[in-house]
């Protein structure tokens, strides 16, 4: 048999064989496989997502530094800012916590805002995170530098007003969606001569006793704050009715999987845990874990309710109509004004037993109307009626367009401009085409209405950290999802949403406050569906720029050794202990 020519001229039986020629400029990188280059990571926002990101980075990365810029004077995000009367989470407390820092002494089944804020501060302190956080610092602008593979940042110190520059190899936006509060879209906001309050900026010294008050808005905030006010006279103004669901504990006891475990805990009429129950949580870890997991199952099981035209939707809608009618005392006028004709789930469903009862009181009047303008003595409605009031409470929600509040300039220009002109699109809610090394918590089409953001943020943090680690250890200078992948994902979102009541006609922050239009604020599936989707990184959906000009994508393989055999104390025979399970 003929021998191969080393230059690839002659092959077997005289055939020509071409062998690859080595690039003379390529040299082996003299570092072991797995070596992580140093990177700087900048986070924006020290709410639940920001804190979770710090911890996840610590557990999974080395050779990095991180700073989180927080505009407020302390950590906590929305739970630092929102402290209006009655403010609490409408997700059960034992679901609304980090899985890695469980709290056994929540006072109420649905934790109040101040207790959640204290929990986040305590986690931050006990985990030693404050060294990584700069409070009262605001990111003013961010611009991608392609040559350096870095984000060039301008930061403002809100205490001094001074601005300075910083940089990041990776920029992680954890500013959230429900914290950029907005006033009503009406004329003459400055014309009103009384007290004007937005619920997201509640003054601690406001006394509502003896006043005539108007509450604008019936979203979850309006539902919570209204029954806490006991003024002389109250007007409740809203354009669209809302679904007020029965107490969840009551429903779960009857038909949920948590019924048995709920029968073993003590709650008073206001759903405060008894001291005996809290002590049992502390003393019996197995009972506590069973309770937490059963509540988590109930939170996860909510998705079938929003499937349009499904038997579950029909059954649940009938029960909620029955409940609202009963609590409103069968009052025909109230039922007509308050019970929606759109499907259950089109707007966020909110528990509000006290809200419905408050609306039956003789000192409360409802006005199903828009606000035309503010006038000196109060509010002029679209009908022309003027309501004379001492104070106006605006429970008018937040700006939910996803448009960034500061310039973020990537390969395709300013993201502010892009998302003002077009529907916001993101890759699996946490990355954006044309924005290298940029990640976001709860971006477009995230599962923000699917339950606890704490556990959701844990999965997002793990996903983002995994991508950063890949870049650190595989010689990737810049990474961004391809526009084709983002467009395909958006096509799936758009095709899926009509299956849900989220897309039904009706004004909702799920659709950026519009009655019709694309659903931009929710994930196209269940909560578990989202977790499953993020389990694996789809490298084929991303565009890469490699270090050193990208001459060879395998340069990271290095000198033939691995950090898994050279790192002191590492178990270099780990493969003998791992089960043959593919996840």
Protein backbone atom coordinates (compact mmCIF):
# COMPACT_ATOMS: atom_id res chain seq x y z
CA UNK A 1 0.00 0.00 0.00
CA UNK A 2 1.34 3.38 -0.93
CA UNK A 3 2.35 5.71 1.91
CA UNK A 4 0.91 9.21 2.47
CA UNK A 5 3.17 12.03 1.47
CA UNK A 6 3.67 14.35 4.40
CA UNK A 7 2.80 17.31 2.20
CA UNK A 8 -0.42 15.68 1.07
CA UNK A 9 0.63 15.11 -2.54
CA UNK A 10 0.24 11.36 -2.94
CA UNK A 11 -2.35 9.20 -1.21
CA UNK A 12 -3.46 5.59 -1.25
CA UNK A 13 -3.53 4.16 -4.77
CA UNK A 14 -2.27 7.43 -6.13
CA UNK A 15 -5.15 9.59 -4.88
CA UNK A 16 -4.40 13.17 -3.93
CA UNK A 17 -4.82 13.95 -0.24
CA UNK A 18 -5.02 17.53 1.02
CA UNK A 19 -3.99 18.07 4.60
CA UNK A 20 -4.64 21.34 6.45
CA UNK A 21 -1.71 23.71 6.58
CA UNK A 22 -0.95 25.18 9.98
CA UNK A 23 -1.15 28.95 10.32
CA UNK A 24 2.38 29.97 11.10
CA UNK A 25 1.08 32.87 13.21
CA UNK A 26 -0.87 30.63 15.57
CA UNK A 27 0.80 29.66 18.82
CA UNK A 28 -0.45 27.49 21.64
CA UNK A 29 -1.75 29.43 24.62
CA UNK A 30 0.42 28.50 27.57
CA UNK A 31 -2.41 28.11 30.05
CA UNK A 32 -4.43 25.07 31.08
CA UNK A 33 -7.95 24.44 29.83
CA UNK A 34 -10.45 26.09 32.18
CA UNK A 35 -8.35 29.14 32.98
CA UNK A 36 -10.66 32.10 33.58
CA UNK A 37 -9.54 35.50 32.38
CA UNK A 38 -10.26 38.43 34.68
CA UNK A 39 -13.52 40.24 33.99
CA UNK A 40 -15.32 43.19 35.54
CA UNK A 41 -19.06 42.86 35.98
CA UNK A 42 -21.32 45.82 36.68
CA UNK A 43 -24.87 45.33 37.90
CA UNK A 44 -27.62 47.93 37.98
CA UNK A 45 -30.10 47.70 40.85
CA UNK A 46 -29.78 46.08 44.29
CA UNK A 47 -33.22 44.56 44.61
CA UNK A 48 -33.82 40.83 44.78
CA UNK A 49 -32.24 40.28 41.36
CA UNK A 50 -29.10 42.26 42.14
CA UNK A 51 -28.53 40.48 45.46
CA UNK A 52 -29.11 37.11 43.85
CA UNK A 53 -26.63 37.96 41.10
CA UNK A 54 -23.89 38.78 43.60
CA UNK A 55 -24.34 35.45 45.35
CA UNK A 56 -24.50 33.40 42.15
CA UNK A 57 -21.31 34.99 40.83
CA UNK A 58 -19.55 34.19 44.11
CA UNK A 59 -20.54 30.56 43.96
CA UNK A 60 -19.55 29.97 40.35
CA UNK A 61 -16.83 32.36 39.19
CA UNK A 62 -13.30 33.27 40.10
CA UNK A 63 -10.95 35.96 38.85
CA UNK A 64 -13.59 38.66 38.58
CA UNK A 65 -14.79 41.76 40.37
CA UNK A 66 -18.33 43.05 40.60
CA UNK A 67 -20.00 46.30 41.59
CA UNK A 68 -23.73 46.93 41.73
CA UNK A 69 -24.92 50.51 41.38
CA UNK A 70 -28.17 51.28 43.23
CA UNK A 71 -29.92 54.65 42.85
CA UNK A 72 -31.69 54.41 46.22
CA UNK A 73 -30.08 55.01 49.60
CA UNK A 74 -30.44 51.35 50.56
CA UNK A 75 -31.00 47.96 48.99
CA UNK A 76 -34.43 46.41 48.45
CA UNK A 77 -35.62 47.86 45.15
CA UNK A 78 -39.40 47.99 44.89
CA UNK A 79 -39.76 46.92 48.54
CA UNK A 80 -37.79 49.95 49.66
CA UNK A 81 -39.77 52.33 47.45
CA UNK A 82 -43.34 51.09 47.90
CA UNK A 83 -44.59 51.65 51.45
CA UNK A 84 -48.16 52.84 50.99
CA UNK A 85 -50.77 51.66 53.54
CA UNK A 86 -51.72 48.05 52.89
CA UNK A 87 -48.72 47.39 50.65
CA UNK A 88 -47.89 43.69 50.65
CA UNK A 89 -46.97 40.92 48.26
CA UNK A 90 -49.81 38.95 46.68
CA UNK A 91 -47.57 35.88 46.39
CA UNK A 92 -47.37 33.73 49.57
CA UNK A 93 -44.49 34.73 51.83
CA UNK A 94 -42.93 31.27 51.87
CA UNK A 95 -42.73 31.32 48.10
CA UNK A 96 -41.60 34.93 47.99
CA UNK A 97 -38.12 34.32 49.38
CA UNK A 98 -34.76 33.04 48.22
CA UNK A 99 -34.63 29.25 48.19
CA UNK A 100 -31.15 29.56 49.69
CA UNK A 101 -32.21 31.89 52.53
CA UNK A 102 -35.55 30.75 53.85
CA UNK A 103 -37.29 32.70 56.57
CA UNK A 104 -39.32 30.70 59.06
CA UNK A 105 -40.88 33.57 60.97
CA UNK A 106 -42.87 35.45 58.33
CA UNK A 107 -45.64 37.12 60.27
CA UNK A 108 -48.34 36.86 57.61
CA UNK A 109 -49.25 34.45 54.82
CA UNK A 110 -48.77 37.43 52.46
CA UNK A 111 -45.86 39.46 53.78
CA UNK A 112 -46.17 43.25 54.17
CA UNK A 113 -43.74 45.50 52.33
CA UNK A 114 -41.69 46.56 55.34
CA UNK A 115 -41.06 42.94 56.34
CA UNK A 116 -39.90 42.03 52.82
CA UNK A 117 -37.64 45.09 52.78
CA UNK A 118 -36.15 44.11 56.14
CA UNK A 119 -35.60 40.57 54.87
CA UNK A 120 -33.65 41.82 51.84
CA UNK A 121 -31.51 44.14 54.01
CA UNK A 122 -30.76 41.31 56.43
CA UNK A 123 -29.78 38.94 53.61
CA UNK A 124 -27.50 41.62 52.19
CA UNK A 125 -25.82 42.19 55.56
CA UNK A 126 -25.51 38.57 56.64
CA UNK A 127 -24.13 37.53 53.25
CA UNK A 128 -21.59 40.37 53.35
CA UNK A 129 -22.78 41.90 50.09
CA UNK A 130 -22.56 45.59 50.91
CA UNK A 131 -18.91 45.78 49.84
CA UNK A 132 -20.10 45.01 46.30
CA UNK A 133 -22.89 47.63 46.28
CA UNK A 134 -22.71 51.39 45.84
CA UNK A 135 -25.98 52.95 46.98
CA UNK A 136 -27.10 56.44 45.89
CA UNK A 137 -25.29 55.85 42.59
CA UNK A 138 -27.09 55.99 39.27
CA UNK A 139 -25.95 54.75 35.87
CA UNK A 140 -26.34 57.71 33.49
CA UNK A 141 -25.21 56.11 30.23
CA UNK A 142 -23.62 52.99 28.80
CA UNK A 143 -21.84 52.67 25.46
CA UNK A 144 -20.31 49.55 23.95
CA UNK A 145 -16.67 49.76 22.83
CA UNK A 146 -16.17 47.06 20.21
CA UNK A 147 -12.39 47.29 20.11
CA UNK A 148 -11.95 46.86 23.86
CA UNK A 149 -14.90 44.53 24.34
CA UNK A 150 -16.16 46.72 27.17
CA UNK A 151 -19.09 48.87 28.22
CA UNK A 152 -18.03 52.43 28.94
CA UNK A 153 -20.21 53.75 31.75
CA UNK A 154 -21.01 57.14 33.22
CA UNK A 155 -22.07 57.02 36.87
CA UNK A 156 -23.57 59.80 38.97
CA UNK A 157 -23.08 59.97 42.73
CA UNK A 158 -26.53 61.16 43.83
CA UNK A 159 -25.24 62.47 47.15
CA UNK A 160 -22.64 64.79 45.64
CA UNK A 161 -23.91 65.19 42.09
CA UNK A 162 -20.47 64.26 40.75
CA UNK A 163 -20.13 62.03 37.71
CA UNK A 164 -17.35 59.58 36.96
CA UNK A 165 -16.47 56.88 34.44
CA UNK A 166 -16.40 53.13 34.91
CA UNK A 167 -16.24 50.13 32.61
CA UNK A 168 -17.61 46.63 32.48
CA UNK A 169 -16.81 43.56 30.46
CA UNK A 170 -20.36 42.47 31.28
CA UNK A 171 -23.30 44.72 32.11
CA UNK A 172 -26.25 43.19 34.00
CA UNK A 173 -29.44 45.24 34.25
CA UNK A 174 -31.50 44.38 37.32
CA UNK A 175 -33.62 47.52 37.50
CA UNK A 176 -36.85 45.57 37.18
CA UNK A 177 -40.12 46.41 35.48
CA UNK A 178 -42.49 47.69 38.18
CA UNK A 179 -40.57 50.59 39.67
CA UNK A 180 -40.64 53.46 37.15
CA UNK A 181 -43.87 54.95 38.43
CA UNK A 182 -46.07 57.25 36.36
CA UNK A 183 -48.71 59.91 36.97
CA UNK A 184 -52.14 59.69 35.33
CA UNK A 185 -52.21 60.64 31.67
CA UNK A 186 -54.25 63.81 32.17
CA UNK A 187 -53.87 67.56 31.82
CA UNK A 188 -53.03 70.06 34.53
CA UNK A 189 -51.22 67.89 37.06
CA UNK A 190 -49.86 71.02 38.75
CA UNK A 191 -53.23 72.72 38.88
CA UNK A 192 -54.53 70.80 41.89
CA UNK A 193 -54.13 72.80 45.09
CA UNK A 194 -54.64 69.93 47.53
CA UNK A 195 -52.40 66.98 48.42
CA UNK A 196 -51.27 64.92 45.41
CA UNK A 197 -49.72 61.52 46.15
CA UNK A 198 -48.45 58.64 44.06
CA UNK A 199 -48.55 55.36 45.94
CA UNK A 200 -44.94 54.65 44.98
CA UNK A 201 -43.88 57.81 46.86
CA UNK A 202 -46.13 57.68 49.91
CA UNK A 203 -45.41 60.46 52.45
CA UNK A 204 -45.00 59.09 55.95
CA UNK A 205 -46.79 62.03 57.55
CA UNK A 206 -49.98 61.95 55.44
CA UNK A 207 -53.11 61.89 57.61
CA UNK A 208 -56.28 61.00 55.71
CA UNK A 209 -58.64 61.43 58.66
CA UNK A 210 -61.61 63.66 57.94
CA UNK A 211 -60.59 64.40 54.35
CA UNK A 212 -62.37 63.91 51.05
CA UNK A 213 -60.10 61.72 48.95
CA UNK A 214 -60.02 60.41 45.40
CA UNK A 215 -58.22 57.15 44.63
CA UNK A 216 -57.37 56.76 40.94
CA UNK A 217 -56.68 53.24 39.70
CA UNK A 218 -57.83 49.73 40.56
CA UNK A 219 -54.78 47.63 39.85
CA UNK A 220 -53.20 45.63 42.66
CA UNK A 221 -51.98 48.83 44.37
CA UNK A 222 -55.40 50.51 44.28
CA UNK A 223 -57.01 47.33 45.57
CA UNK A 224 -54.59 47.28 48.52
CA UNK A 225 -54.54 50.95 49.49
CA UNK A 226 -58.24 51.83 49.24
CA UNK A 227 -59.53 49.77 52.20
CA UNK A 228 -56.73 51.18 54.38
CA UNK A 229 -58.13 54.70 54.03
CA UNK A 230 -60.95 55.83 56.31
CA UNK A 231 -61.65 59.37 55.15
CA UNK A 232 -64.81 61.41 55.46
CA UNK A 233 -65.59 60.78 51.79
CA UNK A 234 -63.87 58.69 49.13
CA UNK A 235 -64.22 58.62 45.35
CA UNK A 236 -62.80 55.64 43.52
CA UNK A 237 -62.03 56.35 39.86
CA UNK A 238 -61.12 53.70 37.29
CA UNK A 239 -61.65 53.10 33.59
CA UNK A 240 -61.64 49.32 33.47
CA UNK A 241 -63.05 46.82 35.98
CA UNK A 242 -60.73 44.22 37.48
CA UNK A 243 -60.97 40.65 38.67
CA UNK A 244 -60.76 40.42 42.45
CA UNK A 245 -60.18 36.79 43.38
CA UNK A 246 -61.19 34.99 46.59
CA UNK A 247 -58.63 34.50 49.38
CA UNK A 248 -56.18 31.95 48.03
CA UNK A 249 -55.97 30.04 51.28
CA UNK A 250 -59.70 29.42 51.12
CA UNK A 251 -59.50 28.18 47.52
CA UNK A 252 -56.46 25.98 48.14
CA UNK A 253 -58.03 24.35 51.16
CA UNK A 254 -60.99 23.30 49.05
CA UNK A 255 -59.36 22.19 45.82
CA UNK A 256 -55.57 22.61 45.97
CA UNK A 257 -52.75 20.20 46.74
CA UNK A 258 -51.86 22.22 49.85
CA UNK A 259 -55.17 21.63 51.57
CA UNK A 260 -53.91 19.06 54.06
CA UNK A 261 -50.81 21.00 55.09
CA UNK A 262 -52.81 24.24 55.39
CA UNK A 263 -55.17 22.54 57.83
CA UNK A 264 -52.18 22.04 60.15
CA UNK A 265 -51.21 25.71 60.50
CA UNK A 266 -52.76 28.47 62.58
CA UNK A 267 -53.93 31.72 60.96
CA UNK A 268 -56.06 34.51 62.36
CA UNK A 269 -58.73 36.47 60.46
CA UNK A 270 -56.04 38.71 58.92
CA UNK A 271 -53.96 35.68 57.82
CA UNK A 272 -51.26 36.26 60.44
CA UNK A 273 -49.43 33.10 61.48
CA UNK A 274 -49.95 32.00 65.06
CA UNK A 275 -46.94 31.89 67.38
CA UNK A 276 -47.42 28.11 67.62
CA UNK A 277 -47.15 27.76 63.84
CA UNK A 278 -44.01 29.89 63.64
CA UNK A 279 -42.41 27.84 66.41
CA UNK A 280 -43.37 24.63 64.60
CA UNK A 281 -41.73 25.94 61.42
CA UNK A 282 -38.54 26.58 63.40
CA UNK A 283 -38.56 23.31 65.32
CA UNK A 284 -39.63 20.91 62.57
CA UNK A 285 -37.56 21.31 59.37
CA UNK A 286 -39.39 18.50 57.57
CA UNK A 287 -42.79 20.06 58.25
CA UNK A 288 -41.50 23.47 57.15
CA UNK A 289 -40.04 22.07 53.92
CA UNK A 290 -43.26 20.21 53.13
CA UNK A 291 -45.23 23.41 53.70
CA UNK A 292 -42.93 25.49 51.47
CA UNK A 293 -42.98 22.94 48.66
CA UNK A 294 -46.77 22.52 48.73
CA UNK A 295 -47.26 26.29 48.56
CA UNK A 296 -44.77 26.46 45.69
CA UNK A 297 -46.78 23.82 43.82
CA UNK A 298 -49.91 25.93 44.20
CA UNK A 299 -48.12 29.00 42.84
CA UNK A 300 -46.84 27.00 39.87
CA UNK A 301 -50.26 25.53 39.11
CA UNK A 302 -51.92 28.85 38.26
CA UNK A 303 -51.07 28.81 34.54
CA UNK A 304 -54.00 26.67 33.26
CA UNK A 305 -56.43 29.34 34.47
CA UNK A 306 -55.24 31.77 31.78
CA UNK A 307 -55.61 29.36 28.86
CA UNK A 308 -58.35 30.93 26.75
CA UNK A 309 -61.62 29.03 26.35
CA UNK A 310 -60.42 26.18 28.55
CA UNK A 311 -62.63 24.35 31.06
CA UNK A 312 -60.36 25.56 33.88
CA UNK A 313 -60.79 29.17 32.76
CA UNK A 314 -64.57 28.80 32.57
CA UNK A 315 -64.83 27.13 35.97
CA UNK A 316 -62.54 29.67 37.69
CA UNK A 317 -64.33 32.62 36.08
CA UNK A 318 -67.68 31.37 37.29
CA UNK A 319 -66.39 30.99 40.84
CA UNK A 320 -64.85 34.48 40.87
CA UNK A 321 -68.07 36.06 39.56
CA UNK A 322 -69.96 34.20 42.28
CA UNK A 323 -67.51 35.41 44.93
CA UNK A 324 -67.47 39.06 43.83
CA UNK A 325 -71.27 39.16 43.61
CA UNK A 326 -71.61 37.74 47.12
CA UNK A 327 -69.12 40.14 48.72
CA UNK A 328 -70.71 43.11 46.95
CA UNK A 329 -74.00 42.06 48.51
CA UNK A 330 -75.58 41.49 45.12
CA UNK A 331 -75.68 45.25 44.52
CA UNK A 332 -76.60 45.44 40.84
CA UNK A 333 -74.90 48.77 40.15
CA UNK A 334 -71.67 47.75 41.87
CA UNK A 335 -71.59 44.35 40.18
CA UNK A 336 -72.13 45.93 36.77
CA UNK A 337 -69.34 48.44 37.32
CA UNK A 338 -66.82 46.13 38.99
CA UNK A 339 -67.17 42.65 37.46
CA UNK A 340 -65.33 42.49 34.10
CA UNK A 341 -66.74 41.13 30.87
CA UNK A 342 -63.25 40.18 29.67
CA UNK A 343 -61.67 36.82 30.50
CA UNK A 344 -60.12 36.03 33.85
CA UNK A 345 -56.41 36.83 33.70
CA UNK A 346 -56.59 39.51 31.01
CA UNK A 347 -55.48 41.86 33.79
CA UNK A 348 -53.53 40.80 36.84
CA UNK A 349 -55.77 38.92 39.25
CA UNK A 350 -55.59 40.34 42.76
CA UNK A 351 -56.97 39.11 46.08
CA UNK A 352 -58.92 41.94 47.72
CA UNK A 353 -61.65 40.93 50.11
CA UNK A 354 -61.34 44.18 52.07
CA UNK A 355 -61.41 46.20 48.84
CA UNK A 356 -64.79 44.84 47.77
CA UNK A 357 -66.25 45.37 51.24
CA UNK A 358 -64.94 48.96 51.34
CA UNK A 359 -66.73 49.74 48.07
CA UNK A 360 -70.07 48.88 49.68
CA UNK A 361 -69.64 51.52 52.41
CA UNK A 362 -71.92 54.58 52.24
CA UNK A 363 -69.01 57.06 52.23
CA UNK A 364 -67.48 55.51 49.08
CA UNK A 365 -68.59 56.36 45.53
CA UNK A 366 -67.19 54.84 42.37
CA UNK A 367 -66.72 56.57 39.04
CA UNK A 368 -65.97 54.34 36.06
CA UNK A 369 -64.37 57.04 33.98
CA UNK A 370 -61.14 58.47 32.74
CA UNK A 371 -59.61 61.61 34.22
CA UNK A 372 -59.84 64.52 31.77
CA UNK A 373 -57.82 67.02 33.77
CA UNK A 374 -56.77 68.13 37.22
CA UNK A 375 -58.30 71.38 38.42
CA UNK A 376 -57.62 73.53 41.46
CA UNK A 377 -60.34 71.93 43.57
CA UNK A 378 -59.91 68.35 42.39
CA UNK A 379 -60.57 66.26 39.27
CA UNK A 380 -62.60 66.77 36.13
CA UNK A 381 -63.77 63.45 34.69
CA UNK A 382 -64.29 62.64 31.02
CA UNK A 383 -68.01 63.18 31.62
CA UNK A 384 -67.37 66.76 32.68
CA UNK A 385 -68.19 66.08 36.34
CA UNK A 386 -65.86 67.79 38.80
CA UNK A 387 -65.03 65.99 42.03
CA UNK A 388 -63.97 68.37 44.79
CA UNK A 389 -61.43 66.67 47.04
CA UNK A 390 -58.73 67.44 49.61
CA UNK A 391 -56.31 64.77 48.41
CA UNK A 392 -55.75 62.65 45.31
CA UNK A 393 -54.10 59.22 45.59
CA UNK A 394 -52.72 58.05 42.27
CA UNK A 395 -52.48 54.26 42.17
CA UNK A 396 -51.70 54.55 38.49
CA UNK A 397 -48.90 52.06 38.23
CA UNK A 398 -45.67 52.06 36.35
CA UNK A 399 -44.19 52.66 32.94
CA UNK A 400 -43.85 49.17 31.45
CA UNK A 401 -42.59 49.81 27.92
CA UNK A 402 -39.19 48.18 28.74
CA UNK A 403 -37.54 51.22 27.20
CA UNK A 404 -34.38 51.88 29.24
CA UNK A 405 -34.32 55.01 31.37
CA UNK A 406 -30.81 55.94 30.25
CA UNK A 407 -28.95 55.58 26.93
CA UNK A 408 -27.61 52.07 26.32
CA UNK A 409 -25.73 52.28 23.04
CA UNK A 410 -24.76 49.01 21.39
CA UNK A 411 -23.83 47.93 17.88
CA UNK A 412 -27.17 49.11 16.46
CA UNK A 413 -27.42 52.41 18.28
CA UNK A 414 -29.34 53.47 21.36
CA UNK A 415 -31.68 50.81 22.73
CA UNK A 416 -33.97 53.61 23.92
CA UNK A 417 -34.58 54.64 20.32
CA UNK A 418 -35.00 51.07 19.06
CA UNK A 419 -37.60 50.14 21.66
CA UNK A 420 -39.46 53.40 21.25
CA UNK A 421 -39.99 52.67 17.54
CA UNK A 422 -40.48 48.90 17.64
CA UNK A 423 -41.94 46.27 19.93
CA UNK A 424 -39.28 45.32 22.53
CA UNK A 425 -37.75 41.94 21.76
CA UNK A 426 -35.34 39.93 23.86
CA UNK A 427 -33.77 36.50 23.78
CA UNK A 428 -35.54 34.42 26.44
CA UNK A 429 -36.13 37.76 28.22
CA UNK A 430 -32.51 38.19 29.31
CA UNK A 431 -30.38 39.27 26.31
CA UNK A 432 -30.77 41.59 23.33
CA UNK A 433 -29.54 41.37 19.73
CA UNK A 434 -26.86 43.93 18.93
CA UNK A 435 -26.05 44.41 22.63
CA UNK A 436 -22.89 42.37 23.36
CA UNK A 437 -22.18 41.26 26.93
CA UNK A 438 -25.46 42.81 28.10
CA UNK A 439 -27.97 40.87 30.17
CA UNK A 440 -31.18 41.78 31.93
CA UNK A 441 -33.43 40.38 34.61
CA UNK A 442 -37.11 40.38 33.63
CA UNK A 443 -36.75 41.92 30.20
CA UNK A 444 -39.42 41.67 27.50
CA UNK A 445 -41.61 38.57 27.82
CA UNK A 446 -40.23 37.52 31.20
CA UNK A 447 -42.56 35.63 33.59
CA UNK A 448 -43.13 38.70 35.78
CA UNK A 449 -46.74 37.71 36.46
CA UNK A 450 -46.04 34.03 37.06
CA UNK A 451 -45.32 34.02 40.78
CA UNK A 452 -42.36 34.76 43.02
CA UNK A 453 -39.62 36.82 41.38
CA UNK A 454 -37.16 35.47 43.94
CA UNK A 455 -36.94 31.95 42.56
CA UNK A 456 -37.31 33.26 39.02
CA UNK A 457 -34.31 35.54 39.55
CA UNK A 458 -32.30 32.57 40.84
CA UNK A 459 -32.71 30.76 37.52
CA UNK A 460 -31.98 33.88 35.50
CA UNK A 461 -28.85 34.57 37.58
CA UNK A 462 -27.59 31.03 37.00
CA UNK A 463 -28.18 31.37 33.27
CA UNK A 464 -26.37 34.71 33.00
CA UNK A 465 -23.50 33.50 35.17
CA UNK A 466 -23.13 30.41 32.98
CA UNK A 467 -22.76 32.59 29.89
CA UNK A 468 -20.18 34.80 31.58
CA UNK A 469 -18.22 31.76 32.72
CA UNK A 470 -18.26 30.39 29.19
CA UNK A 471 -16.81 33.66 27.91
CA UNK A 472 -14.21 33.76 30.70
CA UNK A 473 -12.91 30.25 30.06
CA UNK A 474 -13.38 29.84 26.29
CA UNK A 475 -11.65 32.96 24.98
CA UNK A 476 -14.85 34.80 24.05
CA UNK A 477 -14.44 38.56 24.05
CA UNK A 478 -18.03 39.46 23.16
CA UNK A 479 -21.27 37.54 22.92
CA UNK A 480 -24.78 38.51 21.85
CA UNK A 481 -27.84 36.61 20.64
CA UNK A 482 -28.24 36.73 16.87
CA UNK A 483 -31.03 38.83 15.43
CA UNK A 484 -32.38 35.72 13.69
CA UNK A 485 -32.67 33.89 17.02
CA UNK A 486 -34.40 36.83 18.69
CA UNK A 487 -36.81 37.20 15.77
CA UNK A 488 -37.63 33.49 15.84
CA UNK A 489 -38.24 33.62 19.57
CA UNK A 490 -40.50 36.64 19.15
CA UNK A 491 -42.40 34.87 16.36
CA UNK A 492 -43.10 32.01 18.77
CA UNK A 493 -44.21 34.44 21.51
CA UNK A 494 -46.54 36.21 19.10
CA UNK A 495 -48.07 32.97 17.83
CA UNK A 496 -48.52 31.57 21.34
CA UNK A 497 -50.08 34.51 23.18
CA UNK A 498 -53.56 34.27 21.59
CA UNK A 499 -53.89 30.93 23.40
CA UNK A 500 -54.00 32.90 26.64
CA UNK A 501 -56.40 35.40 28.17
CA UNK A 502 -53.44 37.80 28.51
CA UNK A 503 -53.93 38.68 24.84
CA UNK A 504 -57.69 39.26 25.12
CA UNK A 505 -58.95 42.82 24.51
CA UNK A 506 -58.67 44.80 27.73
CA UNK A 507 -56.34 47.46 29.11
CA UNK A 508 -53.40 45.90 30.94
CA UNK A 509 -49.79 46.58 31.88
CA UNK A 510 -49.10 43.19 30.28
CA UNK A 511 -49.56 45.11 27.01
CA UNK A 512 -47.93 48.36 28.16
CA UNK A 513 -51.23 49.83 29.25
CA UNK A 514 -53.02 49.23 25.96
CA UNK A 515 -56.31 47.42 25.44
CA UNK A 516 -54.93 45.69 22.34
CA UNK A 517 -51.44 44.99 21.17
CA UNK A 518 -48.60 42.53 21.72
CA UNK A 519 -48.15 40.99 25.17
CA UNK A 520 -44.65 42.13 26.11
CA UNK A 521 -44.58 41.55 29.87
CA UNK A 522 -45.24 37.82 30.19
CA UNK A 523 -43.58 34.54 29.27
CA UNK A 524 -45.26 32.30 26.67
CA UNK A 525 -45.84 29.40 29.01
CA UNK A 526 -45.93 28.30 32.60
CA UNK A 527 -43.44 29.07 35.33
CA UNK A 528 -41.96 25.58 35.09
CA UNK A 529 -41.77 26.03 31.31
CA UNK A 530 -39.54 29.08 31.88
CA UNK A 531 -37.29 27.21 34.31
CA UNK A 532 -36.97 24.33 31.84
CA UNK A 533 -36.19 26.69 28.96
CA UNK A 534 -33.23 28.19 30.82
CA UNK A 535 -31.68 24.89 31.84
CA UNK A 536 -29.39 24.71 28.84
CA UNK A 537 -27.43 27.32 26.91
CA UNK A 538 -28.15 27.17 23.17
CA UNK A 539 -24.81 28.19 21.72
CA UNK A 540 -26.15 28.05 18.18
CA UNK A 541 -28.32 31.11 18.88
CA UNK A 542 -25.40 33.39 19.69
CA UNK A 543 -22.77 35.39 17.84
CA UNK A 544 -19.21 35.36 19.15
CA UNK A 545 -16.15 37.56 18.93
CA UNK A 546 -13.04 35.75 20.11
CA UNK A 547 -10.03 37.17 21.87
CA UNK A 548 -6.94 37.90 19.84
CA UNK A 549 -8.85 38.72 16.70
CA UNK A 550 -10.63 35.38 16.59
CA UNK A 551 -7.85 33.54 14.80
CA UNK A 552 -8.76 30.22 16.38
CA UNK A 553 -11.86 29.41 18.42
CA UNK A 554 -10.03 26.57 20.15
CA UNK A 555 -7.17 28.65 21.51
CA UNK A 556 -8.71 28.26 24.97
CA UNK A 557 -7.70 24.56 24.96
CA UNK A 558 -4.27 25.82 25.94
CA UNK A 559 -1.21 23.81 26.91
CA UNK A 560 -2.75 20.36 27.19
CA UNK A 561 -3.48 20.43 30.90
CA UNK A 562 -6.74 21.18 32.69
CA UNK A 563 -7.57 23.25 35.73
CA UNK A 564 -9.50 20.15 36.89
CA UNK A 565 -6.17 18.45 37.54
CA UNK A 566 -4.00 21.39 38.52
CA UNK A 567 -6.17 23.25 41.01
CA UNK A 568 -4.99 22.51 44.57
CA UNK A 569 -7.43 20.34 46.48
CA UNK A 570 -9.54 19.49 43.45
CA UNK A 571 -10.84 15.94 43.03
CA UNK A 572 -9.29 14.95 39.71
CA UNK A 573 -11.23 11.69 39.64
CA UNK A 574 -14.66 13.30 39.94
CA UNK A 575 -15.88 11.34 36.92
CA UNK A 576 -15.92 8.13 38.96
CA UNK A 577 -18.64 9.53 41.22
CA UNK A 578 -21.02 11.15 38.75
CA UNK A 579 -24.16 9.29 37.67
CA UNK A 580 -24.86 8.89 33.97
CA UNK A 581 -27.65 11.44 34.09
CA UNK A 582 -28.05 13.94 31.27
CA UNK A 583 -29.98 17.04 32.28
